[in-house]
PDB file of N, CA and C in Angstrom:
ATOM      1  N   MET A   1       0.841  -1.173   0.000  1.00  0.00           N
ATOM      2  CA  MET A   1       0.000   0.000   0.000  1.00  0.00           C
ATOM      3  C   MET A   1       0.890   1.241   0.000  1.00  0.00           C
ATOM      4  N   ALA A   2       0.556   2.202  -0.804  1.00  0.00           N
ATOM      5  CA  ALA A   2       1.330   3.438  -0.897  1.00  0.00           C
ATOM      6  C   ALA A   2       1.108   4.307   0.328  1.00  0.00           C
ATOM      7  N   ASP A   3       2.097   5.119   0.630  1.00  0.00           N
ATOM      8  CA  ASP A   3       2.004   6.044   1.749  1.00  0.00           C
ATOM      9  C   ASP A   3       1.037   7.163   1.373  1.00  0.00           C
ATOM     10  N   ASP A   4      -0.043   7.316   2.114  1.00  0.00           N
ATOM     11  CA  ASP A   4      -1.034   8.355   1.834  1.00  0.00           C
ATOM     12  C   ASP A   4      -0.603   9.637   2.523  1.00  0.00           C
ATOM     13  N   LYS A   5      -0.078  10.576   1.759  1.00  0.00           N
ATOM     14  CA  LYS A   5       0.450  11.815   2.321  1.00  0.00           C
ATOM     15  C   LYS A   5      -0.636  12.756   2.826  1.00  0.00           C
ATOM     16  N   THR A   6      -1.919  12.446   2.543  1.00  0.00           N
ATOM     17  CA  THR A   6      -2.998  13.272   3.069  1.00  0.00           C
ATOM     18  C   THR A   6      -3.338  12.893   4.497  1.00  0.00           C
ATOM     19  N   LYS A   7      -2.875  11.726   4.942  1.00  0.00           N
ATOM     20  CA  LYS A   7      -3.117  11.278   6.316  1.00  0.00           C
ATOM     21  C   LYS A   7      -1.820  11.428   7.089  1.00  0.00           C
ATOM     22  N   THR A   8      -1.710  12.526   7.838  1.00  0.00           N
ATOM     23  CA  THR A   8      -0.435  12.851   8.483  1.00  0.00           C
ATOM     24  C   THR A   8      -0.426  12.628   9.987  1.00  0.00           C
ATOM     25  N   GLY A   9      -1.473  12.134  10.561  1.00  0.00           N
ATOM     26  CA  GLY A   9      -1.495  11.982  12.010  1.00  0.00           C
ATOM     27  C   GLY A   9      -1.475  10.538  12.444  1.00  0.00           C
ATOM     28  N   GLY A  10      -1.625  10.334  13.734  1.00  0.00           N
ATOM     29  CA  GLY A  10      -1.791   9.010  14.292  1.00  0.00           C
ATOM     30  C   GLY A  10      -0.640   8.063  14.054  1.00  0.00           C
ATOM     31  N   GLN A  11      -0.974   6.867  13.597  1.00  0.00           N
ATOM     32  CA  GLN A  11       0.007   5.801  13.471  1.00  0.00           C
ATOM     33  C   GLN A  11       1.135   6.132  12.508  1.00  0.00           C
ATOM     34  N   ASP A  12       0.868   6.948  11.504  1.00  0.00           N
ATOM     35  CA  ASP A  12       1.911   7.260  10.523  1.00  0.00           C
ATOM     36  C   ASP A  12       3.126   7.908  11.188  1.00  0.00           C
ATOM     37  N   ARG A  13       2.922   8.638  12.257  1.00  0.00           N
ATOM     38  CA  ARG A  13       4.028   9.288  12.969  1.00  0.00           C
ATOM     39  C   ARG A  13       4.826   8.312  13.824  1.00  0.00           C
ATOM     40  N   GLU A  14       4.283   7.154  14.068  1.00  0.00           N
ATOM     41  CA  GLU A  14       4.930   6.171  14.926  1.00  0.00           C
ATOM     42  C   GLU A  14       5.708   5.121  14.152  1.00  0.00           C
ATOM     43  N   ARG A  15       5.610   5.153  12.830  1.00  0.00           N
ATOM     44  CA  ARG A  15       6.259   4.147  11.987  1.00  0.00           C
ATOM     45  C   ARG A  15       7.249   4.789  11.030  1.00  0.00           C
ATOM     46  N   ILE A  16       8.308   4.066  10.749  1.00  0.00           N
ATOM     47  CA  ILE A  16       9.356   4.554   9.858  1.00  0.00           C
ATOM     48  C   ILE A  16       9.267   3.815   8.536  1.00  0.00           C
ATOM     49  N   SER A  17       9.195   4.572   7.456  1.00  0.00           N
ATOM     50  CA  SER A  17       9.201   3.979   6.124  1.00  0.00           C
ATOM     51  C   SER A  17      10.555   4.268   5.489  1.00  0.00           C
ATOM     52  N   VAL A  18      11.368   3.241   5.343  1.00  0.00           N
ATOM     53  CA  VAL A  18      12.682   3.425   4.724  1.00  0.00           C
ATOM     54  C   VAL A  18      12.563   3.466   3.203  1.00  0.00           C
ATOM     55  N   ASN A  19      11.359   3.235   2.685  1.00  0.00           N
ATOM     56  CA  ASN A  19      11.136   3.284   1.239  1.00  0.00           C
ATOM     57  C   ASN A  19      10.830   4.686   0.738  1.00  0.00           C
ATOM     58  N   GLU A  20      10.541   5.598   1.636  1.00  0.00           N
ATOM     59  CA  GLU A  20      10.287   6.996   1.286  1.00  0.00           C
ATOM     60  C   GLU A  20      11.529   7.806   1.651  1.00  0.00           C
ATOM     61  N   ASP A  21      12.184   8.369   0.641  1.00  0.00           N
ATOM     62  CA  ASP A  21      13.454   9.067   0.852  1.00  0.00           C
ATOM     63  C   ASP A  21      13.340  10.194   1.880  1.00  0.00           C
ATOM     64  N   TYR A  22      12.266  10.977   1.801  1.00  0.00           N
ATOM     65  CA  TYR A  22      12.114  12.096   2.744  1.00  0.00           C
ATOM     66  C   TYR A  22      11.955  11.586   4.176  1.00  0.00           C
ATOM     67  N   GLU A  23      11.277  10.460   4.353  1.00  0.00           N
ATOM     68  CA  GLU A  23      11.132   9.899   5.703  1.00  0.00           C
ATOM     69  C   GLU A  23      12.452   9.334   6.194  1.00  0.00           C
ATOM     70  N   LEU A  24      13.152   8.657   5.319  1.00  0.00           N
ATOM     71  CA  LEU A  24      14.450   8.086   5.679  1.00  0.00           C
ATOM     72  C   LEU A  24      15.403   9.183   6.146  1.00  0.00           C
ATOM     73  N   ARG A  25      15.485  10.258   5.394  1.00  0.00           N
ATOM     74  CA  ARG A  25      16.361  11.376   5.776  1.00  0.00           C
ATOM     75  C   ARG A  25      15.903  12.020   7.081  1.00  0.00           C
ATOM     76  N   GLY A  26      14.608  12.217   7.225  1.00  0.00           N
ATOM     77  CA  GLY A  26      14.070  12.868   8.427  1.00  0.00           C
ATOM     78  C   GLY A  26      14.308  12.065   9.697  1.00  0.00           C
ATOM     79  N   TRP A  27      14.017  10.773   9.638  1.00  0.00           N
ATOM     80  CA  TRP A  27      14.235   9.918  10.811  1.00  0.00           C
ATOM     81  C   TRP A  27      15.718   9.784  11.122  1.00  0.00           C
ATOM     82  N   ALA A  28      16.544   9.662  10.080  1.00  0.00           N
ATOM     83  CA  ALA A  28      17.993   9.545  10.310  1.00  0.00           C
ATOM     84  C   ALA A  28      18.512  10.795  11.015  1.00  0.00           C
ATOM     85  N   LYS A  29      18.033  11.940  10.578  1.00  0.00           N
ATOM     86  CA  LYS A  29      18.451  13.200  11.214  1.00  0.00           C
ATOM     87  C   LYS A  29      17.958  13.251  12.665  1.00  0.00           C
ATOM     88  N   ARG A  30      16.721  12.835  12.881  1.00  0.00           N
ATOM     89  CA  ARG A  30      16.145  12.858  14.233  1.00  0.00           C
ATOM     90  C   ARG A  30      16.949  11.984  15.194  1.00  0.00           C
ATOM     91  N   PHE A  31      17.387  10.813  14.718  1.00  0.00           N
ATOM     92  CA  PHE A  31      18.132   9.896  15.570  1.00  0.00           C
ATOM     93  C   PHE A  31      19.641  10.098  15.485  1.00  0.00           C
ATOM     94  N   ASN A  32      20.071  11.062  14.675  1.00  0.00           N
ATOM     95  CA  ASN A  32      21.497  11.382  14.514  1.00  0.00           C
ATOM     96  C   ASN A  32      22.306  10.157  14.055  1.00  0.00           C
ATOM     97  N   VAL A  33      21.794   9.506  13.019  1.00  0.00           N
ATOM     98  CA  VAL A  33      22.461   8.350  12.423  1.00  0.00           C
ATOM     99  C   VAL A  33      22.449   8.515  10.901  1.00  0.00           C
ATOM    100  N   THR A  34      23.181   7.671  10.214  1.00  0.00           N
ATOM    101  CA  THR A  34      23.151   7.692   8.758  1.00  0.00           C
ATOM    102  C   THR A  34      21.903   6.950   8.270  1.00  0.00           C
ATOM    103  N   PRO A  35      21.476   7.226   7.047  1.00  0.00           N
ATOM    104  CA  PRO A  35      20.347   6.470   6.505  1.00  0.00           C
ATOM    105  C   PRO A  35      20.612   4.956   6.488  1.00  0.00           C
ATOM    106  N   GLU A  36      21.842   4.565   6.244  1.00  0.00           N
ATOM    107  CA  GLU A  36      22.183   3.147   6.234  1.00  0.00           C
ATOM    108  C   GLU A  36      22.015   2.529   7.625  1.00  0.00           C
ATOM    109  N   GLN A  37      22.446   3.259   8.664  1.00  0.00           N
ATOM    110  CA  GLN A  37      22.285   2.770  10.037  1.00  0.00           C
ATOM    111  C   GLN A  37      20.797   2.636  10.382  1.00  0.00           C
ATOM    112  N   LEU A  38      20.011   3.584   9.922  1.00  0.00           N
ATOM    113  CA  LEU A  38      18.574   3.535  10.180  1.00  0.00           C
ATOM    114  C   LEU A  38      17.944   2.329   9.483  1.00  0.00           C
ATOM    115  N   LYS A  39      18.317   2.076   8.243  1.00  0.00           N
ATOM    116  CA  LYS A  39      17.794   0.915   7.521  1.00  0.00           C
ATOM    117  C   LYS A  39      18.131  -0.382   8.244  1.00  0.00           C
ATOM    118  N   GLU A  40      19.348  -0.482   8.747  1.00  0.00           N
ATOM    119  CA  GLU A  40      19.758  -1.686   9.479  1.00  0.00           C
ATOM    120  C   GLU A  40      18.944  -1.844  10.768  1.00  0.00           C
ATOM    121  N   ALA A  41      18.696  -0.741  11.449  1.00  0.00           N
ATOM    122  CA  ALA A  41      17.913  -0.795  12.681  1.00  0.00           C
ATOM    123  C   ALA A  41      16.476  -1.234  12.391  1.00  0.00           C
ATOM    124  N   VAL A  42      15.888  -0.694  11.333  1.00  0.00           N
ATOM    125  CA  VAL A  42      14.528  -1.079  10.951  1.00  0.00           C
ATOM    126  C   VAL A  42      14.493  -2.558  10.569  1.00  0.00           C
ATOM    127  N   LYS A  43      15.514  -3.000   9.874  1.00  0.00           N
ATOM    128  CA  LYS A  43      15.602  -4.409   9.497  1.00  0.00           C
ATOM    129  C   LYS A  43      15.679  -5.305  10.743  1.00  0.00           C
ATOM    130  N   ALA A  44      16.371  -4.826  11.771  1.00  0.00           N
ATOM    131  CA  ALA A  44      16.568  -5.604  12.993  1.00  0.00           C
ATOM    132  C   ALA A  44      15.332  -5.643  13.884  1.00  0.00           C
ATOM    133  N   VAL A  45      14.630  -4.500  14.035  1.00  0.00           N
ATOM    134  CA  VAL A  45      13.546  -4.442  15.023  1.00  0.00           C
ATOM    135  C   VAL A  45      12.180  -4.065  14.463  1.00  0.00           C
ATOM    136  N   GLY A  46      12.089  -3.730  13.196  1.00  0.00           N
ATOM    137  CA  GLY A  46      10.802  -3.356  12.621  1.00  0.00           C
ATOM    138  C   GLY A  46      10.639  -1.859  12.468  1.00  0.00           C
ATOM    139  N   THR A  47       9.452  -1.430  12.113  1.00  0.00           N
ATOM    140  CA  THR A  47       9.208  -0.037  11.741  1.00  0.00           C
ATOM    141  C   THR A  47       8.719   0.863  12.876  1.00  0.00           C
ATOM    142  N   GLN A  48       8.461   0.310  14.049  1.00  0.00           N
ATOM    143  CA  GLN A  48       8.021   1.142  15.183  1.00  0.00           C
ATOM    144  C   GLN A  48       9.147   2.089  15.600  1.00  0.00           C
ATOM    145  N   ALA A  49       8.902   3.386  15.517  1.00  0.00           N
ATOM    146  CA  ALA A  49       9.929   4.386  15.812  1.00  0.00           C
ATOM    147  C   ALA A  49      10.513   4.216  17.214  1.00  0.00           C
ATOM    148  N   GLU A  50       9.685   3.902  18.176  1.00  0.00           N
ATOM    149  CA  GLU A  50      10.149   3.741  19.557  1.00  0.00           C
ATOM    150  C   GLU A  50      11.148   2.581  19.677  1.00  0.00           C
ATOM    151  N   GLU A  51      10.841   1.478  19.014  1.00  0.00           N
ATOM    152  CA  GLU A  51      11.731   0.313  19.040  1.00  0.00           C
ATOM    153  C   GLU A  51      13.045   0.605  18.322  1.00  0.00           C
ATOM    154  N   VAL A  52      12.955   1.295  17.203  1.00  0.00           N
ATOM    155  CA  VAL A  52      14.155   1.659  16.439  1.00  0.00           C
ATOM    156  C   VAL A  52      15.043   2.568  17.280  1.00  0.00           C
ATOM    157  N   GLU A  53      14.434   3.536  17.952  1.00  0.00           N
ATOM    158  CA  GLU A  53      15.208   4.450  18.796  1.00  0.00           C
ATOM    159  C   GLU A  53      15.922   3.686  19.912  1.00  0.00           C
ATOM    160  N   ARG A  54      15.222   2.764  20.562  1.00  0.00           N
ATOM    161  CA  ARG A  54      15.837   1.953  21.621  1.00  0.00           C
ATOM    162  C   ARG A  54      17.019   1.151  21.070  1.00  0.00           C
ATOM    163  N   HIS A  55      16.815   0.543  19.922  1.00  0.00           N
ATOM    164  CA  HIS A  55      17.855  -0.260  19.299  1.00  0.00           C
ATOM    165  C   HIS A  55      19.092   0.594  18.987  1.00  0.00           C
ATOM    166  N   LEU A  56      18.854   1.760  18.421  1.00  0.00           N
ATOM    167  CA  LEU A  56      19.991   2.638  18.067  1.00  0.00           C
ATOM    168  C   LEU A  56      20.733   3.109  19.316  1.00  0.00           C
ATOM    169  N   LYS A  57      20.019   3.442  20.372  1.00  0.00           N
ATOM    170  CA  LYS A  57      20.665   3.890  21.602  1.00  0.00           C
ATOM    171  C   LYS A  57      21.484   2.770  22.229  1.00  0.00           C
ATOM    172  N   ALA A  58      20.980   1.549  22.151  1.00  0.00           N
ATOM    173  CA  ALA A  58      21.697   0.405  22.717  1.00  0.00           C
ATOM    174  C   ALA A  58      22.939   0.066  21.895  1.00  0.00           C
ATOM    175  N   SER A  59      22.932   0.427  20.631  1.00  0.00           N
ATOM    176  CA  SER A  59      24.048   0.121  19.735  1.00  0.00           C
ATOM    177  C   SER A  59      25.216   1.091  19.887  1.00  0.00           C
ATOM    178  N   ARG A  60      24.995   2.188  20.569  1.00  0.00           N
ATOM    179  CA  ARG A  60      26.049   3.209  20.684  1.00  0.00           C
ATOM    180  C   ARG A  60      27.032   2.897  21.758  1.00  0.00           C
TER     181      ARG A  60
END
């Protein structure tokens, strides 16, 4: 399913889409990591932003 850019609230803010370049860059900047590091974290723990953040913090 494509990312519906008209729906900007709720669950969409809690999930990371590494397939959307603007989201990948934004989340990587937020977590102060490279896009590649973010992709690896998502691959390891899934798309939940909270889980990805925990994983990245534990990896440092």
